[in-house]
């Protein structure tokens, strides 16, 4: 995840969440599309939506 610009500590947090059975979704695109994807995820109950 470091290669994606995610800080190491944050990546470790996500790793622990996945080990606990939570789902991690990644999206690649330009800023308008990322914002739209984030909005869609939030509308459907996603938590901890961030852009890096």
PDB file of N, CA and C in Angstrom:
ATOM      1  N   UNK A   1       0.815  -1.196   0.000  1.00  0.00           N
ATOM      2  CA  UNK A   1       0.000   0.000   0.000  1.00  0.00           C
ATOM      3  C   UNK A   1       0.859   1.260   0.000  1.00  0.00           C
ATOM      4  N   UNK A   2       2.080   1.124   0.455  1.00  0.00           N
ATOM      5  CA  UNK A   2       2.980   2.274   0.456  1.00  0.00           C
ATOM      6  C   UNK A   2       3.161   2.787  -0.976  1.00  0.00           C
ATOM      7  N   UNK A   3       3.221   1.862  -1.941  1.00  0.00           N
ATOM      8  CA  UNK A   3       3.368   2.252  -3.344  1.00  0.00           C
ATOM      9  C   UNK A   3       2.173   3.063  -3.844  1.00  0.00           C
ATOM     10  N   UNK A   4       1.050   2.954  -3.180  1.00  0.00           N
ATOM     11  CA  UNK A   4      -0.153   3.702  -3.545  1.00  0.00           C
ATOM     12  C   UNK A   4      -0.235   5.033  -2.814  1.00  0.00           C
ATOM     13  N   UNK A   5       0.760   5.332  -1.986  1.00  0.00           N
ATOM     14  CA  UNK A   5       0.772   6.593  -1.263  1.00  0.00           C
ATOM     15  C   UNK A   5       0.103   6.521   0.098  1.00  0.00           C
ATOM     16  N   UNK A   6      -0.188   5.317   0.556  1.00  0.00           N
ATOM     17  CA  UNK A   6      -0.822   5.140   1.862  1.00  0.00           C
ATOM     18  C   UNK A   6       0.276   5.031   2.914  1.00  0.00           C
ATOM     19  N   UNK A   7       0.227   5.880   3.948  1.00  0.00           N
ATOM     20  CA  UNK A   7       1.250   5.810   4.994  1.00  0.00           C
ATOM     21  C   UNK A   7       1.306   4.411   5.620  1.00  0.00           C
ATOM     22  N   UNK A   8       2.499   4.008   6.036  1.00  0.00           N
ATOM     23  CA  UNK A   8       2.706   2.656   6.557  1.00  0.00           C
ATOM     24  C   UNK A   8       1.776   2.335   7.725  1.00  0.00           C
ATOM     25  N   UNK A   9       1.645   3.248   8.673  1.00  0.00           N
ATOM     26  CA  UNK A   9       0.784   2.994   9.843  1.00  0.00           C
ATOM     27  C   UNK A   9      -0.665   2.796   9.421  1.00  0.00           C
ATOM     28  N   UNK A  10      -1.101   3.582   8.451  1.00  0.00           N
ATOM     29  CA  UNK A  10      -2.472   3.451   7.949  1.00  0.00           C
ATOM     30  C   UNK A  10      -2.646   2.107   7.251  1.00  0.00           C
ATOM     31  N   UNK A  11      -1.650   1.693   6.484  1.00  0.00           N
ATOM     32  CA  UNK A  11      -1.699   0.399   5.808  1.00  0.00           C
ATOM     33  C   UNK A  11      -1.797  -0.744   6.800  1.00  0.00           C
ATOM     34  N   UNK A  12      -1.086  -0.633   7.908  1.00  0.00           N
ATOM     35  CA  UNK A  12      -1.158  -1.666   8.939  1.00  0.00           C
ATOM     36  C   UNK A  12      -2.556  -1.722   9.547  1.00  0.00           C
ATOM     37  N   UNK A  13      -3.168  -0.557   9.714  1.00  0.00           N
ATOM     38  CA  UNK A  13      -4.545  -0.500  10.234  1.00  0.00           C
ATOM     39  C   UNK A  13      -5.493  -1.234   9.277  1.00  0.00           C
ATOM     40  N   UNK A  14      -5.344  -0.973   7.978  1.00  0.00           N
ATOM     41  CA  UNK A  14      -6.191  -1.649   6.993  1.00  0.00           C
ATOM     42  C   UNK A  14      -5.934  -3.154   6.989  1.00  0.00           C
ATOM     43  N   UNK A  15      -4.688  -3.530   7.130  1.00  0.00           N
ATOM     44  CA  UNK A  15      -4.349  -4.954   7.168  1.00  0.00           C
ATOM     45  C   UNK A  15      -5.056  -5.648   8.326  1.00  0.00           C
ATOM     46  N   UNK A  16      -5.059  -5.024   9.487  1.00  0.00           N
ATOM     47  CA  UNK A  16      -5.744  -5.596  10.650  1.00  0.00           C
ATOM     48  C   UNK A  16      -7.244  -5.695  10.409  1.00  0.00           C
ATOM     49  N   UNK A  17      -7.823  -4.662   9.799  1.00  0.00           N
ATOM     50  CA  UNK A  17      -9.258  -4.693   9.493  1.00  0.00           C
ATOM     51  C   UNK A  17      -9.595  -5.863   8.576  1.00  0.00           C
ATOM     52  N   UNK A  18      -8.779  -6.083   7.548  1.00  0.00           N
ATOM     53  CA  UNK A  18      -9.029  -7.183   6.610  1.00  0.00           C
ATOM     54  C   UNK A  18      -8.899  -8.520   7.327  1.00  0.00           C
ATOM     55  N   UNK A  19      -7.911  -8.642   8.205  1.00  0.00           N
ATOM     56  CA  UNK A  19      -7.755  -9.882   8.970  1.00  0.00           C
ATOM     57  C   UNK A  19      -8.972 -10.161   9.841  1.00  0.00           C
ATOM     58  N   UNK A  20      -9.682  -9.102  10.249  1.00  0.00           N
ATOM     59  CA  UNK A  20     -10.884  -9.250  11.072  1.00  0.00           C
ATOM     60  C   UNK A  20     -12.129  -9.493  10.221  1.00  0.00           C
ATOM     61  N   UNK A  21     -11.949  -9.596   8.910  1.00  0.00           N
ATOM     62  CA  UNK A  21     -13.079  -9.901   8.031  1.00  0.00           C
ATOM     63  C   UNK A  21     -13.714  -8.701   7.370  1.00  0.00           C
ATOM     64  N   UNK A  22     -13.163  -7.522   7.589  1.00  0.00           N
ATOM     65  CA  UNK A  22     -13.694  -6.335   6.925  1.00  0.00           C
ATOM     66  C   UNK A  22     -13.221  -6.314   5.485  1.00  0.00           C
ATOM     67  N   UNK A  23     -13.884  -5.519   4.676  1.00  0.00           N
ATOM     68  CA  UNK A  23     -13.595  -5.463   3.244  1.00  0.00           C
ATOM     69  C   UNK A  23     -12.832  -4.189   2.923  1.00  0.00           C
ATOM     70  N   UNK A  24     -11.802  -4.318   2.111  1.00  0.00           N
ATOM     71  CA  UNK A  24     -11.020  -3.189   1.639  1.00  0.00           C
ATOM     72  C   UNK A  24     -11.272  -3.040   0.148  1.00  0.00           C
ATOM     73  N   UNK A  25     -11.674  -1.843  -0.271  1.00  0.00           N
ATOM     74  CA  UNK A  25     -11.917  -1.557  -1.679  1.00  0.00           C
ATOM     75  C   UNK A  25     -10.939  -0.480  -2.114  1.00  0.00           C
ATOM     76  N   UNK A  26     -10.284  -0.689  -3.235  1.00  0.00           N
ATOM     77  CA  UNK A  26      -9.407   0.341  -3.789  1.00  0.00           C
ATOM     78  C   UNK A  26      -9.934   0.752  -5.154  1.00  0.00           C
ATOM     79  N   UNK A  27      -9.783   2.024  -5.451  1.00  0.00           N
ATOM     80  CA  UNK A  27     -10.239   2.574  -6.722  1.00  0.00           C
ATOM     81  C   UNK A  27      -9.128   3.459  -7.262  1.00  0.00           C
ATOM     82  N   UNK A  28      -8.839   3.335  -8.537  1.00  0.00           N
ATOM     83  CA  UNK A  28      -7.823   4.173  -9.163  1.00  0.00           C
ATOM     84  C   UNK A  28      -8.502   5.033 -10.215  1.00  0.00           C
ATOM     85  N   UNK A  29      -8.162   6.315 -10.246  1.00  0.00           N
ATOM     86  CA  UNK A  29      -8.741   7.196 -11.253  1.00  0.00           C
ATOM     87  C   UNK A  29      -8.365   8.631 -10.982  1.00  0.00           C
ATOM     88  N   UNK A  30      -8.963   9.535 -11.748  1.00  0.00           N
ATOM     89  CA  UNK A  30      -8.697  10.949 -11.530  1.00  0.00           C
ATOM     90  C   UNK A  30      -9.590  11.478 -10.411  1.00  0.00           C
ATOM     91  N   UNK A  31      -9.293  12.672  -9.936  1.00  0.00           N
ATOM     92  CA  UNK A  31      -9.966  13.193  -8.746  1.00  0.00           C
ATOM     93  C   UNK A  31     -11.495  13.231  -8.846  1.00  0.00           C
ATOM     94  N   UNK A  32     -12.072  13.722  -9.952  1.00  0.00           N
ATOM     95  CA  UNK A  32     -13.548  13.726 -10.011  1.00  0.00           C
ATOM     96  C   UNK A  32     -14.148  12.320  -9.902  1.00  0.00           C
ATOM     97  N   UNK A  33     -13.511  11.348 -10.540  1.00  0.00           N
ATOM     98  CA  UNK A  33     -14.025   9.983 -10.475  1.00  0.00           C
ATOM     99  C   UNK A  33     -13.834   9.391  -9.079  1.00  0.00           C
ATOM    100  N   UNK A  34     -12.723   9.712  -8.438  1.00  0.00           N
ATOM    101  CA  UNK A  34     -12.499   9.220  -7.079  1.00  0.00           C
ATOM    102  C   UNK A  34     -13.524   9.794  -6.118  1.00  0.00           C
ATOM    103  N   UNK A  35     -13.819  11.075  -6.270  1.00  0.00           N
ATOM    104  CA  UNK A  35     -14.839  11.693  -5.414  1.00  0.00           C
ATOM    105  C   UNK A  35     -16.200  11.046  -5.625  1.00  0.00           C
ATOM    106  N   UNK A  36     -16.528  10.779  -6.880  1.00  0.00           N
ATOM    107  CA  UNK A  36     -17.803  10.126  -7.194  1.00  0.00           C
ATOM    108  C   UNK A  36     -17.845   8.712  -6.608  1.00  0.00           C
ATOM    109  N   UNK A  37     -16.761   7.983  -6.747  1.00  0.00           N
ATOM    110  CA  UNK A  37     -16.704   6.633  -6.189  1.00  0.00           C
ATOM    111  C   UNK A  37     -16.844   6.671  -4.674  1.00  0.00           C
ATOM    112  N   UNK A  38     -16.181   7.627  -4.031  1.00  0.00           N
ATOM    113  CA  UNK A  38     -16.298   7.777  -2.578  1.00  0.00           C
ATOM    114  C   UNK A  38     -17.716   8.073  -2.159  1.00  0.00           C
ATOM    115  N   UNK A  39     -18.385   8.945  -2.904  1.00  0.00           N
ATOM    116  CA  UNK A  39     -19.783   9.273  -2.593  1.00  0.00           C
ATOM    117  C   UNK A  39     -20.678   8.044  -2.702  1.00  0.00           C
ATOM    118  N   UNK A  40     -20.478   7.255  -3.757  1.00  0.00           N
ATOM    119  CA  UNK A  40     -21.281   6.038  -3.948  1.00  0.00           C
ATOM    120  C   UNK A  40     -21.042   5.063  -2.796  1.00  0.00           C
ATOM    121  N   UNK A  41     -19.788   4.889  -2.427  1.00  0.00           N
ATOM    122  CA  UNK A  41     -19.473   3.972  -1.326  1.00  0.00           C
ATOM    123  C   UNK A  41     -20.131   4.440  -0.028  1.00  0.00           C
ATOM    124  N   UNK A  42     -20.029   5.731   0.267  1.00  0.00           N
ATOM    125  CA  UNK A  42     -20.642   6.261   1.495  1.00  0.00           C
ATOM    126  C   UNK A  42     -22.162   6.093   1.483  1.00  0.00           C
ATOM    127  N   UNK A  43     -22.783   6.313   0.327  1.00  0.00           N
ATOM    128  CA  UNK A  43     -24.239   6.176   0.212  1.00  0.00           C
ATOM    129  C   UNK A  43     -24.692   4.754   0.512  1.00  0.00           C
ATOM    130  N   UNK A  44     -23.785   3.814   0.354  1.00  0.00           N
ATOM    131  CA  UNK A  44     -24.119   2.408   0.575  1.00  0.00           C
ATOM    132  C   UNK A  44     -23.496   1.850   1.848  1.00  0.00           C
ATOM    133  N   UNK A  45     -23.147   2.762   2.769  1.00  0.00           N
ATOM    134  CA  UNK A  45     -22.742   2.338   4.100  1.00  0.00           C
ATOM    135  C   UNK A  45     -21.265   2.149   4.329  1.00  0.00           C
ATOM    136  N   UNK A  46     -20.409   2.568   3.389  1.00  0.00           N
ATOM    137  CA  UNK A  46     -18.965   2.418   3.593  1.00  0.00           C
ATOM    138  C   UNK A  46     -18.478   3.348   4.715  1.00  0.00           C
ATOM    139  N   UNK A  47     -17.506   2.874   5.452  1.00  0.00           N
ATOM    140  CA  UNK A  47     -16.901   3.652   6.526  1.00  0.00           C
ATOM    141  C   UNK A  47     -15.435   3.889   6.183  1.00  0.00           C
ATOM    142  N   UNK A  48     -14.890   4.952   6.707  1.00  0.00           N
ATOM    143  CA  UNK A  48     -13.457   5.202   6.585  1.00  0.00           C
ATOM    144  C   UNK A  48     -13.026   5.327   5.122  1.00  0.00           C
ATOM    145  N   UNK A  49     -13.792   6.087   4.337  1.00  0.00           N
ATOM    146  CA  UNK A  49     -13.479   6.301   2.920  1.00  0.00           C
ATOM    147  C   UNK A  49     -12.450   7.428   2.843  1.00  0.00           C
ATOM    148  N   UNK A  50     -11.296   7.144   2.234  1.00  0.00           N
ATOM    149  CA  UNK A  50     -10.227   8.128   2.130  1.00  0.00           C
ATOM    150  C   UNK A  50      -9.631   8.131   0.739  1.00  0.00           C
ATOM    151  N   UNK A  51      -9.053   9.258   0.367  1.00  0.00           N
ATOM    152  CA  UNK A  51      -8.377   9.390  -0.912  1.00  0.00           C
ATOM    153  C   UNK A  51      -6.908   9.672  -0.665  1.00  0.00           C
ATOM    154  N   UNK A  52      -6.035   8.961  -1.364  1.00  0.00           N
ATOM    155  CA  UNK A  52      -4.591   9.170  -1.250  1.00  0.00           C
ATOM    156  C   UNK A  52      -4.033   9.487  -2.625  1.00  0.00           C
TER     157      UNK A  52
END
